[in-house]
Every structure is written in structure tokens, then in C-alpha cells.
Amino acid sequence: SDYTSGKATLADLENKAKIAGKTKDKLLESIPSGDENSQKYVDSVTAYVSNSGKIAWSLAGFIQTENQALMDESNERLEKVPTYAFSIVSERIRYLSSCGISDDEISELTDSDTETN
């Protein structure tokens, strides 16, 4: 690819960031509404996807304008990614447990998710 060969341009990167931002919009539309039992899980996924999209848009904006505040914003949001990811895992475990799924089954699901990512 152009990225690994060193031939990528800032315009290429800006385009990829915009695609990521648009993908975030589509993902947010596809997240189902939560019920009383799943709302925290849904909210954690929504926050993660939203944050990821904001990173992409901030990077695209920085490339267009060279406004350092946009780069700083994307860096701050990047630092929050592990927190958002942990929240998803925690809320998923809580949700699955509330559905009556055993700890062993939850561990098996979590392990298989880790192996595929």
C-alpha cells in the first residue's frame, strides 16, 4: 500500500479520516436502542463509536487547517480509547450475566472475541 511504501500523501490520510468519520455515522445509526437491561452496554458502545468518529474528524480537520487545537483534541480522545473499550467489556459482561449466562459461558465468549480481533 501507499502507506507502507512511504508514498501516501496528507490528502490520502485526510480522505481515510473522512471515510472513518462517515463510517462512524453509519455505525451509530445501526446501534439498536437498549432496554432497561442493556442500556448501559448500548451506551458504552455508542460512546466508543462516537469518540472514534470524533478522532477521525479532528484529524481530517487538522490536515485541512493545521489547527493545532484539532490535533490536541484527537490526541486527548485517543488517550480515552482504552477507557471506552474497557467500559464496553465491563458492560457486556454485566449485561450477559443479567441475562442468566454463566461466568464460564461469558469467559468463553470473551475469549473467542479476543481471538478474532
Protein backbone atom coordinates (compact mmCIF):
# COMPACT_ATOMS: atom_id res chain seq x y z
CA SER A 1 0.00 0.00 0.00
CA ASP A 2 0.98 3.63 -0.32
CA TYR A 3 1.24 3.88 3.46
CA THR A 4 3.79 1.13 3.89
CA SER A 5 5.81 2.22 0.87
CA GLY A 6 6.00 5.82 2.10
CA LYS A 7 4.12 7.19 -0.91
CA ALA A 8 0.96 8.25 0.92
CA THR A 9 0.11 11.92 0.96
CA LEU A 10 -1.67 14.04 3.53
CA ALA A 11 -4.62 14.10 1.12
CA ASP A 12 -4.71 10.29 1.28
CA LEU A 13 -4.69 10.41 5.07
CA GLU A 14 -7.37 13.12 5.13
CA ASN A 15 -9.56 11.01 2.83
CA LYS A 16 -9.15 7.94 5.08
CA ALA A 17 -10.02 10.04 8.14
CA LYS A 18 -13.16 11.33 6.44
CA ILE A 19 -14.17 7.79 5.48
CA ALA A 20 -13.69 6.73 9.11
CA GLY A 21 -15.83 9.66 10.27
CA LYS A 22 -18.61 8.76 7.84
CA THR A 23 -18.40 5.11 8.89
CA LYS A 24 -18.92 6.23 12.48
CA ASP A 25 -22.14 7.96 11.45
CA LYS A 26 -23.42 4.76 9.82
CA LEU A 27 -22.41 2.66 12.83
CA LEU A 28 -24.22 4.98 15.23
CA GLU A 29 -27.38 4.63 13.15
CA SER A 30 -27.14 0.84 13.31
CA ILE A 31 -26.78 0.55 17.10
CA PRO A 32 -30.12 -0.67 18.44
CA SER A 33 -31.93 1.03 21.27
CA GLY A 34 -31.29 -0.54 24.61
CA ASP A 35 -33.85 -1.82 27.04
CA GLU A 36 -33.66 -1.44 30.78
CA ASN A 37 -31.28 -4.39 30.97
CA SER A 38 -28.95 -3.47 28.11
CA GLN A 39 -28.94 0.35 28.09
CA LYS A 40 -25.55 0.78 29.80
CA TYR A 41 -23.99 -1.67 27.34
CA VAL A 42 -25.54 0.15 24.39
CA ASP A 43 -24.42 3.50 25.81
CA SER A 44 -20.83 2.27 26.19
CA VAL A 45 -20.74 1.07 22.57
CA THR A 46 -22.25 4.36 21.41
CA ALA A 47 -19.66 6.37 23.36
CA TYR A 48 -16.78 4.32 21.89
CA VAL A 49 -18.01 4.68 18.31
CA SER A 50 -18.74 8.38 18.77
CA ASN A 51 -15.29 9.03 20.23
CA SER A 52 -13.65 7.14 17.38
CA GLY A 53 -15.50 9.21 14.82
CA LYS A 54 -14.55 12.43 16.55
CA ILE A 55 -10.90 11.35 16.40
CA ALA A 56 -11.24 10.86 12.65
CA TRP A 57 -12.96 14.20 12.06
CA SER A 58 -10.42 16.04 14.24
CA LEU A 59 -7.56 14.51 12.27
CA ALA A 60 -9.20 15.42 8.96
CA GLY A 61 -9.74 18.96 10.22
CA PHE A 62 -6.15 19.23 11.38
CA ILE A 63 -4.88 18.12 7.99
CA GLN A 64 -7.07 20.70 6.26
CA THR A 65 -6.31 23.64 8.54
CA GLU A 66 -3.17 22.75 10.51
CA ASN A 67 -5.09 23.98 13.56
CA GLN A 68 -3.14 22.53 16.48
CA ALA A 69 -6.23 22.55 18.68
CA LEU A 70 -7.75 19.87 16.43
CA MET A 71 -4.67 17.69 16.76
CA ASP A 72 -4.70 18.19 20.52
CA GLU A 73 -8.37 17.16 20.58
CA SER A 74 -7.67 14.00 18.62
CA ASN A 75 -4.77 13.14 20.95
CA GLU A 76 -6.97 13.64 24.02
CA ARG A 77 -9.63 11.43 22.51
CA LEU A 78 -7.06 8.77 21.57
CA GLU A 79 -5.97 8.62 25.20
CA LYS A 80 -9.58 7.80 26.17
CA VAL A 81 -9.91 4.82 23.81
CA PRO A 82 -8.75 2.21 26.36
CA THR A 83 -11.25 3.56 28.92
CA TYR A 84 -14.11 3.35 26.43
CA ALA A 85 -13.05 -0.15 25.36
CA PHE A 86 -12.87 -1.32 28.97
CA SER A 87 -16.35 0.09 29.58
CA ILE A 88 -17.72 -1.93 26.67
CA VAL A 89 -16.21 -5.15 28.01
CA SER A 90 -17.40 -4.47 31.56
CA GLU A 91 -20.93 -3.58 30.49
CA ARG A 92 -21.13 -6.54 28.14
CA ILE A 93 -20.16 -8.89 30.94
CA ARG A 94 -22.73 -7.26 33.24
CA TYR A 95 -25.41 -7.49 30.56
CA LEU A 96 -24.70 -11.13 29.69
CA SER A 97 -24.69 -12.03 33.37
CA SER A 98 -28.05 -10.29 33.86
CA CYS A 99 -29.41 -12.45 31.01
CA GLY A 100 -28.56 -15.57 33.01
CA ILE A 101 -25.43 -16.53 31.10
CA SER A 102 -22.94 -18.30 33.34
CA ASP A 103 -19.49 -16.91 34.11
CA ASP A 104 -17.93 -19.82 32.21
CA GLU A 105 -20.03 -19.10 29.12
CA ILE A 106 -19.19 -15.39 29.36
CA SER A 107 -15.48 -16.22 29.61
CA GLU A 108 -15.78 -18.46 26.57
CA LEU A 109 -17.48 -15.66 24.60
CA THR A 110 -14.91 -13.12 25.70
CA ASP A 111 -12.03 -15.43 24.83
CA SER A 112 -13.44 -16.13 21.36
CA ASP A 113 -13.90 -12.39 20.76
CA THR A 114 -10.27 -11.74 21.73
CA GLU A 115 -9.07 -14.46 19.36
CA THR A 116 -10.97 -12.97 16.39
CA ASN A 117 -9.80 -9.39 16.93
